[in-house]
């Protein structure tokens, strides 16, 4: 079996979006140019931003067609991130609420990509 090792989001302005994600992740990118930015998390997760104007083939979709998930252990952590991201003036697309799988809220990045913070029902 092969395993995916990176998530790439197509963005309008990688350098500008990199500022958003550096704040969100709490770390600077390990690579940054006018068309690309890359972060490597402590757990090995890699996130990249690629200019939608230079990626080949050109993307057919824009932001909002999927989500980056941020799993929390406790509902209180979901609420804390909600308050922090709201204070940072991130766009909140869905306030915290109980869903079938767990407690969750959704924010959006500047390009409309969804960022879901959640806990799982136990």
PDB file of N, CA and C in Angstrom:
ATOM      1  N   UNK A   1       0.840  -1.187   0.000  1.00  0.00           N
ATOM      2  CA  UNK A   1       0.000   0.000   0.000  1.00  0.00           C
ATOM      3  C   UNK A   1       0.882   1.247   0.000  1.00  0.00           C
ATOM      4  N   UNK A   2       0.498   2.237  -0.771  1.00  0.00           N
ATOM      5  CA  UNK A   2       1.194   3.512  -0.721  1.00  0.00           C
ATOM      6  C   UNK A   2       0.428   4.436   0.226  1.00  0.00           C
ATOM      7  N   UNK A   3       1.129   5.404   0.801  1.00  0.00           N
ATOM      8  CA  UNK A   3       0.503   6.315   1.760  1.00  0.00           C
ATOM      9  C   UNK A   3       0.752   7.759   1.351  1.00  0.00           C
ATOM     10  N   UNK A   4      -0.291   8.587   1.359  1.00  0.00           N
ATOM     11  CA  UNK A   4      -0.084   9.995   1.062  1.00  0.00           C
ATOM     12  C   UNK A   4       0.813  10.630   2.117  1.00  0.00           C
ATOM     13  N   UNK A   5       1.594  11.619   1.709  1.00  0.00           N
ATOM     14  CA  UNK A   5       2.512  12.236   2.670  1.00  0.00           C
ATOM     15  C   UNK A   5       2.459  13.749   2.687  1.00  0.00           C
ATOM     16  N   UNK A   6       1.541  14.345   1.886  1.00  0.00           N
ATOM     17  CA  UNK A   6       1.460  15.798   1.837  1.00  0.00           C
ATOM     18  C   UNK A   6       0.061  16.217   1.401  1.00  0.00           C
ATOM     19  N   UNK A   7      -0.386  17.343   1.925  1.00  0.00           N
ATOM     20  CA  UNK A   7      -1.605  17.989   1.458  1.00  0.00           C
ATOM     21  C   UNK A   7      -1.188  19.301   0.808  1.00  0.00           C
ATOM     22  N   UNK A   8      -1.653  19.518  -0.423  1.00  0.00           N
ATOM     23  CA  UNK A   8      -1.328  20.742  -1.157  1.00  0.00           C
ATOM     24  C   UNK A   8      -2.626  21.495  -1.417  1.00  0.00           C
ATOM     25  N   UNK A   9      -2.631  22.762  -1.022  1.00  0.00           N
ATOM     26  CA  UNK A   9      -3.771  23.633  -1.285  1.00  0.00           C
ATOM     27  C   UNK A   9      -3.375  24.643  -2.349  1.00  0.00           C
ATOM     28  N   UNK A  10      -4.247  24.853  -3.323  1.00  0.00           N
ATOM     29  CA  UNK A  10      -4.002  25.850  -4.348  1.00  0.00           C
ATOM     30  C   UNK A  10      -4.524  27.192  -3.843  1.00  0.00           C
ATOM     31  N   UNK A  11      -3.671  28.202  -3.874  1.00  0.00           N
ATOM     32  CA  UNK A  11      -4.009  29.514  -3.332  1.00  0.00           C
ATOM     33  C   UNK A  11      -3.711  30.608  -4.342  1.00  0.00           C
ATOM     34  N   UNK A  12      -4.297  31.763  -4.125  1.00  0.00           N
ATOM     35  CA  UNK A  12      -4.105  32.899  -5.020  1.00  0.00           C
ATOM     36  C   UNK A  12      -2.727  33.526  -4.832  1.00  0.00           C
ATOM     37  N   UNK A  13      -2.319  33.743  -3.581  1.00  0.00           N
ATOM     38  CA  UNK A  13      -1.047  34.405  -3.284  1.00  0.00           C
ATOM     39  C   UNK A  13      -0.322  33.631  -2.176  1.00  0.00           C
ATOM     40  N   UNK A  14       0.556  32.700  -2.515  1.00  0.00           N
ATOM     41  CA  UNK A  14       1.218  31.876  -1.500  1.00  0.00           C
ATOM     42  C   UNK A  14       1.930  32.663  -0.396  1.00  0.00           C
ATOM     43  N   UNK A  15       2.603  33.747  -0.740  1.00  0.00           N
ATOM     44  CA  UNK A  15       3.320  34.496   0.292  1.00  0.00           C
ATOM     45  C   UNK A  15       2.349  35.113   1.297  1.00  0.00           C
ATOM     46  N   UNK A  16       1.228  35.619   0.827  1.00  0.00           N
ATOM     47  CA  UNK A  16       0.213  36.182   1.716  1.00  0.00           C
ATOM     48  C   UNK A  16      -0.461  35.084   2.533  1.00  0.00           C
ATOM     49  N   UNK A  17      -0.835  33.998   1.871  1.00  0.00           N
ATOM     50  CA  UNK A  17      -1.463  32.879   2.582  1.00  0.00           C
ATOM     51  C   UNK A  17      -0.502  32.244   3.578  1.00  0.00           C
ATOM     52  N   UNK A  18       0.793  32.314   3.305  1.00  0.00           N
ATOM     53  CA  UNK A  18       1.796  31.769   4.223  1.00  0.00           C
ATOM     54  C   UNK A  18       1.756  32.488   5.566  1.00  0.00           C
ATOM     55  N   UNK A  19       1.467  33.772   5.564  1.00  0.00           N
ATOM     56  CA  UNK A  19       1.346  34.501   6.827  1.00  0.00           C
ATOM     57  C   UNK A  19       0.195  33.946   7.652  1.00  0.00           C
ATOM     58  N   UNK A  20      -0.942  33.671   7.005  1.00  0.00           N
ATOM     59  CA  UNK A  20      -2.101  33.088   7.670  1.00  0.00           C
ATOM     60  C   UNK A  20      -1.743  31.733   8.284  1.00  0.00           C
ATOM     61  N   UNK A  21      -1.136  30.849   7.482  1.00  0.00           N
ATOM     62  CA  UNK A  21      -0.832  29.500   7.963  1.00  0.00           C
ATOM     63  C   UNK A  21       0.306  29.479   8.984  1.00  0.00           C
ATOM     64  N   UNK A  22       1.237  30.395   8.894  1.00  0.00           N
ATOM     65  CA  UNK A  22       2.288  30.475   9.921  1.00  0.00           C
ATOM     66  C   UNK A  22       1.674  30.809  11.272  1.00  0.00           C
ATOM     67  N   UNK A  23       0.718  31.714  11.282  1.00  0.00           N
ATOM     68  CA  UNK A  23       0.023  32.047  12.528  1.00  0.00           C
ATOM     69  C   UNK A  23      -0.803  30.868  13.014  1.00  0.00           C
ATOM     70  N   UNK A  24      -1.543  30.251  12.104  1.00  0.00           N
ATOM     71  CA  UNK A  24      -2.387  29.110  12.444  1.00  0.00           C
ATOM     72  C   UNK A  24      -1.573  27.964  13.033  1.00  0.00           C
ATOM     73  N   UNK A  25      -0.474  27.604  12.385  1.00  0.00           N
ATOM     74  CA  UNK A  25       0.333  26.451  12.799  1.00  0.00           C
ATOM     75  C   UNK A  25       1.345  26.782  13.895  1.00  0.00           C
ATOM     76  N   UNK A  26       1.649  28.062  14.064  1.00  0.00           N
ATOM     77  CA  UNK A  26       2.602  28.468  15.089  1.00  0.00           C
ATOM     78  C   UNK A  26       4.053  28.216  14.719  1.00  0.00           C
ATOM     79  N   UNK A  27       4.309  27.984  13.438  1.00  0.00           N
ATOM     80  CA  UNK A  27       5.677  27.766  12.952  1.00  0.00           C
ATOM     81  C   UNK A  27       5.831  28.416  11.586  1.00  0.00           C
ATOM     82  N   UNK A  28       7.053  28.824  11.220  1.00  0.00           N
ATOM     83  CA  UNK A  28       7.261  29.381   9.879  1.00  0.00           C
ATOM     84  C   UNK A  28       7.376  28.257   8.856  1.00  0.00           C
ATOM     85  N   UNK A  29       7.172  28.574   7.591  1.00  0.00           N
ATOM     86  CA  UNK A  29       7.362  27.552   6.558  1.00  0.00           C
ATOM     87  C   UNK A  29       8.840  27.179   6.448  1.00  0.00           C
ATOM     88  N   UNK A  30       9.107  25.936   6.064  1.00  0.00           N
ATOM     89  CA  UNK A  30      10.490  25.504   5.836  1.00  0.00           C
ATOM     90  C   UNK A  30      10.944  25.898   4.433  1.00  0.00           C
ATOM     91  N   UNK A  31       9.972  26.222   3.589  1.00  0.00           N
ATOM     92  CA  UNK A  31      10.266  26.686   2.235  1.00  0.00           C
ATOM     93  C   UNK A  31       9.235  27.736   1.872  1.00  0.00           C
ATOM     94  N   UNK A  32       9.680  28.840   1.278  1.00  0.00           N
ATOM     95  CA  UNK A  32       8.763  29.906   0.891  1.00  0.00           C
ATOM     96  C   UNK A  32       9.296  30.613  -0.350  1.00  0.00           C
ATOM     97  N   UNK A  33       8.440  30.711  -1.364  1.00  0.00           N
ATOM     98  CA  UNK A  33       8.768  31.471  -2.571  1.00  0.00           C
ATOM     99  C   UNK A  33       7.502  32.177  -3.021  1.00  0.00           C
ATOM    100  N   UNK A  34       7.589  32.867  -4.140  1.00  0.00           N
ATOM    101  CA  UNK A  34       6.422  33.575  -4.665  1.00  0.00           C
ATOM    102  C   UNK A  34       5.320  32.627  -5.121  1.00  0.00           C
ATOM    103  N   UNK A  35       5.657  31.355  -5.376  1.00  0.00           N
ATOM    104  CA  UNK A  35       4.659  30.409  -5.896  1.00  0.00           C
ATOM    105  C   UNK A  35       4.416  29.201  -5.004  1.00  0.00           C
ATOM    106  N   UNK A  36       5.145  29.081  -3.880  1.00  0.00           N
ATOM    107  CA  UNK A  36       5.050  27.848  -3.089  1.00  0.00           C
ATOM    108  C   UNK A  36       5.469  28.103  -1.641  1.00  0.00           C
ATOM    109  N   UNK A  37       4.796  27.422  -0.723  1.00  0.00           N
ATOM    110  CA  UNK A  37       5.174  27.445   0.692  1.00  0.00           C
ATOM    111  C   UNK A  37       4.965  26.039   1.255  1.00  0.00           C
ATOM    112  N   UNK A  38       5.839  25.637   2.205  1.00  0.00           N
ATOM    113  CA  UNK A  38       5.775  24.289   2.775  1.00  0.00           C
ATOM    114  C   UNK A  38       6.053  24.326   4.268  1.00  0.00           C
ATOM    115  N   UNK A  39       5.225  23.597   5.022  1.00  0.00           N
ATOM    116  CA  UNK A  39       5.426  23.396   6.459  1.00  0.00           C
ATOM    117  C   UNK A  39       5.546  21.898   6.727  1.00  0.00           C
ATOM    118  N   UNK A  40       6.355  21.557   7.726  1.00  0.00           N
ATOM    119  CA  UNK A  40       6.456  20.180   8.195  1.00  0.00           C
ATOM    120  C   UNK A  40       6.145  20.216   9.683  1.00  0.00           C
ATOM    121  N   UNK A  41       5.078  19.548  10.074  1.00  0.00           N
ATOM    122  CA  UNK A  41       4.656  19.522  11.475  1.00  0.00           C
ATOM    123  C   UNK A  41       5.489  18.562  12.297  1.00  0.00           C
ATOM    124  N   UNK A  42       5.389  18.681  13.617  1.00  0.00           N
ATOM    125  CA  UNK A  42       6.149  17.808  14.524  1.00  0.00           C
ATOM    126  C   UNK A  42       5.758  16.342  14.370  1.00  0.00           C
ATOM    127  N   UNK A  43       4.555  16.079  13.837  1.00  0.00           N
ATOM    128  CA  UNK A  43       4.107  14.703  13.629  1.00  0.00           C
ATOM    129  C   UNK A  43       4.424  14.197  12.216  1.00  0.00           C
ATOM    130  N   UNK A  44       5.150  15.002  11.425  1.00  0.00           N
ATOM    131  CA  UNK A  44       5.521  14.604  10.072  1.00  0.00           C
ATOM    132  C   UNK A  44       4.545  15.056   9.004  1.00  0.00           C
ATOM    133  N   UNK A  45       3.380  15.563   9.409  1.00  0.00           N
ATOM    134  CA  UNK A  45       2.403  16.054   8.432  1.00  0.00           C
ATOM    135  C   UNK A  45       3.004  17.211   7.646  1.00  0.00           C
ATOM    136  N   UNK A  46       2.855  17.156   6.329  1.00  0.00           N
ATOM    137  CA  UNK A  46       3.363  18.230   5.476  1.00  0.00           C
ATOM    138  C   UNK A  46       2.186  18.934   4.804  1.00  0.00           C
ATOM    139  N   UNK A  47       2.230  20.250   4.871  1.00  0.00           N
ATOM    140  CA  UNK A  47       1.219  21.087   4.244  1.00  0.00           C
ATOM    141  C   UNK A  47       1.919  22.040   3.291  1.00  0.00           C
ATOM    142  N   UNK A  48       1.413  22.116   2.066  1.00  0.00           N
ATOM    143  CA  UNK A  48       1.995  23.017   1.073  1.00  0.00           C
ATOM    144  C   UNK A  48       0.914  23.910   0.494  1.00  0.00           C
ATOM    145  N   UNK A  49       1.323  25.109   0.133  1.00  0.00           N
ATOM    146  CA  UNK A  49       0.485  26.046  -0.601  1.00  0.00           C
ATOM    147  C   UNK A  49       1.149  26.274  -1.944  1.00  0.00           C
ATOM    148  N   UNK A  50       0.400  26.139  -3.014  1.00  0.00           N
ATOM    149  CA  UNK A  50       0.952  26.284  -4.350  1.00  0.00           C
ATOM    150  C   UNK A  50       0.098  27.308  -5.097  1.00  0.00           C
ATOM    151  N   UNK A  51       0.729  28.206  -5.794  1.00  0.00           N
ATOM    152  CA  UNK A  51      -0.001  29.217  -6.545  1.00  0.00           C
ATOM    153  C   UNK A  51      -0.902  28.563  -7.583  1.00  0.00           C
ATOM    154  N   UNK A  52      -2.187  28.893  -7.526  1.00  0.00           N
ATOM    155  CA  UNK A  52      -3.125  28.342  -8.503  1.00  0.00           C
ATOM    156  C   UNK A  52      -2.837  28.874  -9.904  1.00  0.00           C
ATOM    157  N   UNK A  53      -1.968  29.877  -9.982  1.00  0.00           N
ATOM    158  CA  UNK A  53      -1.616  30.462 -11.269  1.00  0.00           C
ATOM    159  C   UNK A  53      -0.417  29.767 -11.922  1.00  0.00           C
ATOM    160  N   UNK A  54       0.307  28.943 -11.143  1.00  0.00           N
ATOM    161  CA  UNK A  54       1.503  28.297 -11.704  1.00  0.00           C
ATOM    162  C   UNK A  54       1.450  26.771 -11.663  1.00  0.00           C
ATOM    163  N   UNK A  55       0.518  26.191 -10.935  1.00  0.00           N
ATOM    164  CA  UNK A  55       0.437  24.728 -10.865  1.00  0.00           C
ATOM    165  C   UNK A  55      -0.009  24.180 -12.226  1.00  0.00           C
ATOM    166  N   UNK A  56       0.569  23.031 -12.582  1.00  0.00           N
ATOM    167  CA  UNK A  56       0.202  22.377 -13.838  1.00  0.00           C
ATOM    168  C   UNK A  56      -0.206  20.947 -13.562  1.00  0.00           C
ATOM    169  N   UNK A  57      -1.311  20.489 -14.088  1.00  0.00           N
ATOM    170  CA  UNK A  57      -2.270  21.251 -14.876  1.00  0.00           C
ATOM    171  C   UNK A  57      -3.036  22.230 -13.985  1.00  0.00           C
ATOM    172  N   UNK A  58      -3.612  23.244 -14.594  1.00  0.00           N
ATOM    173  CA  UNK A  58      -4.355  24.260 -13.855  1.00  0.00           C
ATOM    174  C   UNK A  58      -5.502  23.601 -13.088  1.00  0.00           C
ATOM    175  N   UNK A  59      -5.737  24.023 -11.852  1.00  0.00           N
ATOM    176  CA  UNK A  59      -6.815  23.425 -11.066  1.00  0.00           C
ATOM    177  C   UNK A  59      -8.193  23.782 -11.619  1.00  0.00           C
ATOM    178  N   UNK A  60      -9.107  22.846 -11.506  1.00  0.00           N
ATOM    179  CA  UNK A  60     -10.474  23.068 -11.965  1.00  0.00           C
ATOM    180  C   UNK A  60     -11.364  23.576 -10.839  1.00  0.00           C
ATOM    181  N   UNK A  61     -10.920  23.422  -9.593  1.00  0.00           N
ATOM    182  CA  UNK A  61     -11.733  23.811  -8.439  1.00  0.00           C
ATOM    183  C   UNK A  61     -11.020  24.883  -7.629  1.00  0.00           C
ATOM    184  N   UNK A  62     -11.795  25.598  -6.831  1.00  0.00           N
ATOM    185  CA  UNK A  62     -11.212  26.578  -5.922  1.00  0.00           C
ATOM    186  C   UNK A  62     -11.444  26.109  -4.486  1.00  0.00           C
ATOM    187  N   UNK A  63     -11.048  26.914  -3.506  1.00  0.00           N
ATOM    188  CA  UNK A  63     -11.145  26.538  -2.103  1.00  0.00           C
ATOM    189  C   UNK A  63     -12.559  26.199  -1.666  1.00  0.00           C
ATOM    190  N   UNK A  64     -12.646  25.431  -0.592  1.00  0.00           N
ATOM    191  CA  UNK A  64     -13.936  25.078  -0.015  1.00  0.00           C
ATOM    192  C   UNK A  64     -14.429  23.706  -0.401  1.00  0.00           C
ATOM    193  N   UNK A  65     -13.726  23.011  -1.294  1.00  0.00           N
ATOM    194  CA  UNK A  65     -14.156  21.690  -1.722  1.00  0.00           C
ATOM    195  C   UNK A  65     -13.694  20.564  -0.818  1.00  0.00           C
ATOM    196  N   UNK A  66     -12.955  20.883   0.230  1.00  0.00           N
ATOM    197  CA  UNK A  66     -12.474  19.885   1.176  1.00  0.00           C
ATOM    198  C   UNK A  66     -12.125  20.572   2.483  1.00  0.00           C
ATOM    199  N   UNK A  67     -11.544  19.819   3.409  1.00  0.00           N
ATOM    200  CA  UNK A  67     -11.229  20.361   4.722  1.00  0.00           C
ATOM    201  C   UNK A  67      -9.885  19.854   5.215  1.00  0.00           C
ATOM    202  N   UNK A  68      -9.209  20.693   6.007  1.00  0.00           N
ATOM    203  CA  UNK A  68      -8.096  20.241   6.837  1.00  0.00           C
ATOM    204  C   UNK A  68      -8.680  20.018   8.215  1.00  0.00           C
ATOM    205  N   UNK A  69      -8.426  18.856   8.793  1.00  0.00           N
ATOM    206  CA  UNK A  69      -8.980  18.536  10.102  1.00  0.00           C
ATOM    207  C   UNK A  69      -7.952  18.685  11.200  1.00  0.00           C
ATOM    208  N   UNK A  70      -8.374  19.238  12.325  1.00  0.00           N
ATOM    209  CA  UNK A  70      -7.535  19.434  13.503  1.00  0.00           C
ATOM    210  C   UNK A  70      -8.219  18.745  14.675  1.00  0.00           C
ATOM    211  N   UNK A  71      -7.757  17.547  15.009  1.00  0.00           N
ATOM    212  CA  UNK A  71      -8.367  16.744  16.064  1.00  0.00           C
ATOM    213  C   UNK A  71      -7.929  17.232  17.434  1.00  0.00           C
ATOM    214  N   UNK A  72      -8.894  17.449  18.308  1.00  0.00           N
ATOM    215  CA  UNK A  72      -8.650  17.812  19.708  1.00  0.00           C
ATOM    216  C   UNK A  72      -9.109  16.662  20.603  1.00  0.00           C
ATOM    217  N   UNK A  73      -8.486  16.537  21.758  1.00  0.00           N
ATOM    218  CA  UNK A  73      -8.859  15.482  22.703  1.00  0.00           C
ATOM    219  C   UNK A  73     -10.132  15.816  23.478  1.00  0.00           C
ATOM    220  N   UNK A  74     -10.312  17.104  23.794  1.00  0.00           N
ATOM    221  CA  UNK A  74     -11.425  17.526  24.646  1.00  0.00           C
ATOM    222  C   UNK A  74     -12.240  18.632  23.970  1.00  0.00           C
ATOM    223  N   UNK A  75     -13.558  18.667  24.229  1.00  0.00           N
ATOM    224  CA  UNK A  75     -14.385  19.754  23.690  1.00  0.00           C
ATOM    225  C   UNK A  75     -13.902  21.139  24.128  1.00  0.00           C
ATOM    226  N   UNK A  76     -13.312  21.230  25.309  1.00  0.00           N
ATOM    227  CA  UNK A  76     -12.804  22.512  25.798  1.00  0.00           C
ATOM    228  C   UNK A  76     -11.690  23.051  24.887  1.00  0.00           C
ATOM    229  N   UNK A  77     -10.922  22.158  24.299  1.00  0.00           N
ATOM    230  CA  UNK A  77      -9.874  22.576  23.363  1.00  0.00           C
ATOM    231  C   UNK A  77     -10.493  23.149  22.083  1.00  0.00           C
ATOM    232  N   UNK A  78     -11.591  22.559  21.640  1.00  0.00           N
ATOM    233  CA  UNK A  78     -12.311  23.075  20.471  1.00  0.00           C
ATOM    234  C   UNK A  78     -12.784  24.494  20.766  1.00  0.00           C
ATOM    235  N   UNK A  79     -13.391  24.682  21.939  1.00  0.00           N
ATOM    236  CA  UNK A  79     -13.875  26.013  22.313  1.00  0.00           C
ATOM    237  C   UNK A  79     -12.740  27.023  22.422  1.00  0.00           C
ATOM    238  N   UNK A  80     -11.604  26.608  22.973  1.00  0.00           N
ATOM    239  CA  UNK A  80     -10.453  27.512  23.122  1.00  0.00           C
ATOM    240  C   UNK A  80      -9.935  27.945  21.758  1.00  0.00           C
ATOM    241  N   UNK A  81      -9.802  27.001  20.812  1.00  0.00           N
ATOM    242  CA  UNK A  81      -9.346  27.363  19.462  1.00  0.00           C
ATOM    243  C   UNK A  81     -10.374  28.243  18.759  1.00  0.00           C
ATOM    244  N   UNK A  82     -11.648  27.969  18.973  1.00  0.00           N
ATOM    245  CA  UNK A  82     -12.688  28.814  18.384  1.00  0.00           C
ATOM    246  C   UNK A  82     -12.519  30.261  18.855  1.00  0.00           C
ATOM    247  N   UNK A  83     -12.359  30.457  20.157  1.00  0.00           N
ATOM    248  CA  UNK A  83     -12.193  31.814  20.689  1.00  0.00           C
ATOM    249  C   UNK A  83     -10.924  32.467  20.138  1.00  0.00           C
ATOM    250  N   UNK A  84      -9.821  31.702  20.092  1.00  0.00           N
ATOM    251  CA  UNK A  84      -8.562  32.252  19.591  1.00  0.00           C
ATOM    252  C   UNK A  84      -8.682  32.651  18.129  1.00  0.00           C
ATOM    253  N   UNK A  85      -9.198  31.770  17.287  1.00  0.00           N
ATOM    254  CA  UNK A  85      -9.297  32.062  15.867  1.00  0.00           C
ATOM    255  C   UNK A  85     -10.282  33.202  15.604  1.00  0.00           C
ATOM    256  N   UNK A  86     -11.357  33.272  16.391  1.00  0.00           N
ATOM    257  CA  UNK A  86     -12.305  34.381  16.262  1.00  0.00           C
ATOM    258  C   UNK A  86     -11.607  35.699  16.633  1.00  0.00           C
ATOM    259  N   UNK A  87     -10.817  35.672  17.717  1.00  0.00           N
ATOM    260  CA  UNK A  87     -10.066  36.861  18.126  1.00  0.00           C
ATOM    261  C   UNK A  87      -9.043  37.269  17.073  1.00  0.00           C
ATOM    262  N   UNK A  88      -8.475  36.285  16.364  1.00  0.00           N
ATOM    263  CA  UNK A  88      -7.525  36.559  15.286  1.00  0.00           C
ATOM    264  C   UNK A  88      -8.239  37.020  14.017  1.00  0.00           C
ATOM    265  N   UNK A  89      -9.563  37.066  14.072  1.00  0.00           N
ATOM    266  CA  UNK A  89     -10.406  37.493  12.958  1.00  0.00           C
ATOM    267  C   UNK A  89     -10.359  36.545  11.768  1.00  0.00           C
ATOM    268  N   UNK A  90     -10.151  35.247  12.054  1.00  0.00           N
ATOM    269  CA  UNK A  90     -10.312  34.242  11.009  1.00  0.00           C
ATOM    270  C   UNK A  90     -11.802  34.192  10.668  1.00  0.00           C
ATOM    271  N   UNK A  91     -12.119  33.908   9.420  1.00  0.00           N
ATOM    272  CA  UNK A  91     -13.519  33.758   9.029  1.00  0.00           C
ATOM    273  C   UNK A  91     -14.071  32.474   9.649  1.00  0.00           C
ATOM    274  N   UNK A  92     -15.101  32.598  10.452  1.00  0.00           N
ATOM    275  CA  UNK A  92     -15.750  31.437  11.064  1.00  0.00           C
ATOM    276  C   UNK A  92     -16.949  31.067  10.190  1.00  0.00           C
ATOM    277  N   UNK A  93     -16.910  29.862   9.646  1.00  0.00           N
ATOM    278  CA  UNK A  93     -17.963  29.393   8.743  1.00  0.00           C
ATOM    279  C   UNK A  93     -19.057  28.636   9.488  1.00  0.00           C
ATOM    280  N   UNK A  94     -18.707  28.074  10.649  1.00  0.00           N
ATOM    281  CA  UNK A  94     -19.682  27.345  11.460  1.00  0.00           C
ATOM    282  C   UNK A  94     -19.246  27.433  12.909  1.00  0.00           C
ATOM    283  N   UNK A  95     -20.114  27.920  13.754  1.00  0.00           N
ATOM    284  CA  UNK A  95     -19.823  28.024  15.185  1.00  0.00           C
ATOM    285  C   UNK A  95     -19.768  26.614  15.799  1.00  0.00           C
ATOM    286  N   UNK A  96     -19.157  26.474  16.972  1.00  0.00           N
ATOM    287  CA  UNK A  96     -19.092  25.144  17.602  1.00  0.00           C
ATOM    288  C   UNK A  96     -20.484  24.555  17.835  1.00  0.00           C
ATOM    289  N   UNK A  97     -20.615  23.281  17.484  1.00  0.00           N
ATOM    290  CA  UNK A  97     -21.855  22.562  17.708  1.00  0.00           C
ATOM    291  C   UNK A  97     -21.598  21.075  17.730  1.00  0.00           C
ATOM    292  N   UNK A  98     -22.529  20.356  18.299  1.00  0.00           N
ATOM    293  CA  UNK A  98     -22.454  18.898  18.362  1.00  0.00           C
ATOM    294  C   UNK A  98     -22.988  18.332  17.055  1.00  0.00           C
ATOM    295  N   UNK A  99     -22.180  17.499  16.405  1.00  0.00           N
ATOM    296  CA  UNK A  99     -22.585  16.818  15.177  1.00  0.00           C
ATOM    297  C   UNK A  99     -22.605  15.314  15.432  1.00  0.00           C
ATOM    298  N   UNK A 100     -22.985  14.551  14.452  1.00  0.00           N
ATOM    299  CA  UNK A 100     -23.098  13.095  14.630  1.00  0.00           C
ATOM    300  C   UNK A 100     -21.777  12.456  15.045  1.00  0.00           C
ATOM    301  N   UNK A 101     -20.654  12.958  14.568  1.00  0.00           N
ATOM    302  CA  UNK A 101     -19.345  12.355  14.860  1.00  0.00           C
ATOM    303  C   UNK A 101     -18.660  12.958  16.075  1.00  0.00           C
ATOM    304  N   UNK A 102     -19.050  14.195  16.462  1.00  0.00           N
ATOM    305  CA  UNK A 102     -18.396  14.849  17.584  1.00  0.00           C
ATOM    306  C   UNK A 102     -18.692  16.337  17.615  1.00  0.00           C
ATOM    307  N   UNK A 103     -17.956  17.040  18.455  1.00  0.00           N
ATOM    308  CA  UNK A 103     -18.110  18.484  18.653  1.00  0.00           C
ATOM    309  C   UNK A 103     -17.149  19.193  17.712  1.00  0.00           C
ATOM    310  N   UNK A 104     -17.627  20.257  17.018  1.00  0.00           N
ATOM    311  CA  UNK A 104     -16.830  20.800  15.929  1.00  0.00           C
ATOM    312  C   UNK A 104     -17.167  22.250  15.629  1.00  0.00           C
ATOM    313  N   UNK A 105     -16.188  22.959  15.011  1.00  0.00           N
ATOM    314  CA  UNK A 105     -16.450  24.231  14.349  1.00  0.00           C
ATOM    315  C   UNK A 105     -15.599  24.280  13.084  1.00  0.00           C
ATOM    316  N   UNK A 106     -15.948  25.205  12.186  1.00  0.00           N
ATOM    317  CA  UNK A 106     -15.237  25.337  10.917  1.00  0.00           C
ATOM    318  C   UNK A 106     -14.870  26.807  10.697  1.00  0.00           C
ATOM    319  N   UNK A 107     -13.611  27.036  10.350  1.00  0.00           N
ATOM    320  CA  UNK A 107     -13.132  28.343   9.914  1.00  0.00           C
ATOM    321  C   UNK A 107     -12.686  28.199   8.456  1.00  0.00           C
ATOM    322  N   UNK A 108     -12.440  29.318   7.800  1.00  0.00           N
ATOM    323  CA  UNK A 108     -11.960  29.284   6.420  1.00  0.00           C
ATOM    324  C   UNK A 108     -10.714  30.137   6.287  1.00  0.00           C
ATOM    325  N   UNK A 109      -9.783  29.687   5.439  1.00  0.00           N
ATOM    326  CA  UNK A 109      -8.580  30.479   5.168  1.00  0.00           C
ATOM    327  C   UNK A 109      -8.909  31.545   4.131  1.00  0.00           C
ATOM    328  N   UNK A 110      -7.967  32.416   3.783  1.00  0.00           N
ATOM    329  CA  UNK A 110      -8.260  33.492   2.828  1.00  0.00           C
ATOM    330  C   UNK A 110      -8.710  33.018   1.442  1.00  0.00           C
ATOM    331  N   UNK A 111      -8.411  31.766   1.082  1.00  0.00           N
ATOM    332  CA  UNK A 111      -8.817  31.236  -0.216  1.00  0.00           C
ATOM    333  C   UNK A 111     -10.084  30.392  -0.139  1.00  0.00           C
ATOM    334  N   UNK A 112     -10.703  30.309   1.051  1.00  0.00           N
ATOM    335  CA  UNK A 112     -11.940  29.555   1.204  1.00  0.00           C
ATOM    336  C   UNK A 112     -11.763  28.097   1.573  1.00  0.00           C
ATOM    337  N   UNK A 113     -10.530  27.650   1.825  1.00  0.00           N
ATOM    338  CA  UNK A 113     -10.321  26.274   2.263  1.00  0.00           C
ATOM    339  C   UNK A 113     -10.837  26.134   3.688  1.00  0.00           C
ATOM    340  N   UNK A 114     -11.552  25.059   3.966  1.00  0.00           N
ATOM    341  CA  UNK A 114     -12.149  24.848   5.278  1.00  0.00           C
ATOM    342  C   UNK A 114     -11.149  24.241   6.262  1.00  0.00           C
ATOM    343  N   UNK A 115     -11.225  24.727   7.491  1.00  0.00           N
ATOM    344  CA  UNK A 115     -10.382  24.250   8.592  1.00  0.00           C
ATOM    345  C   UNK A 115     -11.324  23.778   9.690  1.00  0.00           C
ATOM    346  N   UNK A 116     -11.465  22.459   9.846  1.00  0.00           N
ATOM    347  CA  UNK A 116     -12.393  21.905  10.838  1.00  0.00           C
ATOM    348  C   UNK A 116     -11.628  21.493  12.081  1.00  0.00           C
ATOM    349  N   UNK A 117     -12.039  22.041  13.227  1.00  0.00           N
ATOM    350  CA  UNK A 117     -11.520  21.658  14.533  1.00  0.00           C
ATOM    351  C   UNK A 117     -12.597  20.796  15.168  1.00  0.00           C
ATOM    352  N   UNK A 118     -12.208  19.636  15.722  1.00  0.00           N
ATOM    353  CA  UNK A 118     -13.238  18.706  16.193  1.00  0.00           C
ATOM    354  C   UNK A 118     -12.719  17.775  17.280  1.00  0.00           C
ATOM    355  N   UNK A 119     -13.663  17.197  18.006  1.00  0.00           N
ATOM    356  CA  UNK A 119     -13.430  16.045  18.867  1.00  0.00           C
ATOM    357  C   UNK A 119     -14.310  14.926  18.338  1.00  0.00           C
ATOM    358  N   UNK A 120     -13.945  13.716  18.667  1.00  0.00           N
ATOM    359  CA  UNK A 120     -14.773  12.562  18.290  1.00  0.00           C
ATOM    360  C   UNK A 120     -15.630  12.130  19.476  1.00  0.00           C
ATOM    361  N   UNK A 121     -16.853  11.670  19.180  1.00  0.00           N
ATOM    362  CA  UNK A 121     -17.686  11.112  20.244  1.00  0.00           C
ATOM    363  C   UNK A 121     -17.000   9.880  20.795  1.00  0.00           C
ATOM    364  N   UNK A 122     -17.138   9.691  22.067  1.00  0.00           N
ATOM    365  CA  UNK A 122     -16.524   8.509  22.703  1.00  0.00           C
ATOM    366  C   UNK A 122     -17.555   7.492  23.037  1.00  0.00           C
TER     367      UNK A 122
END
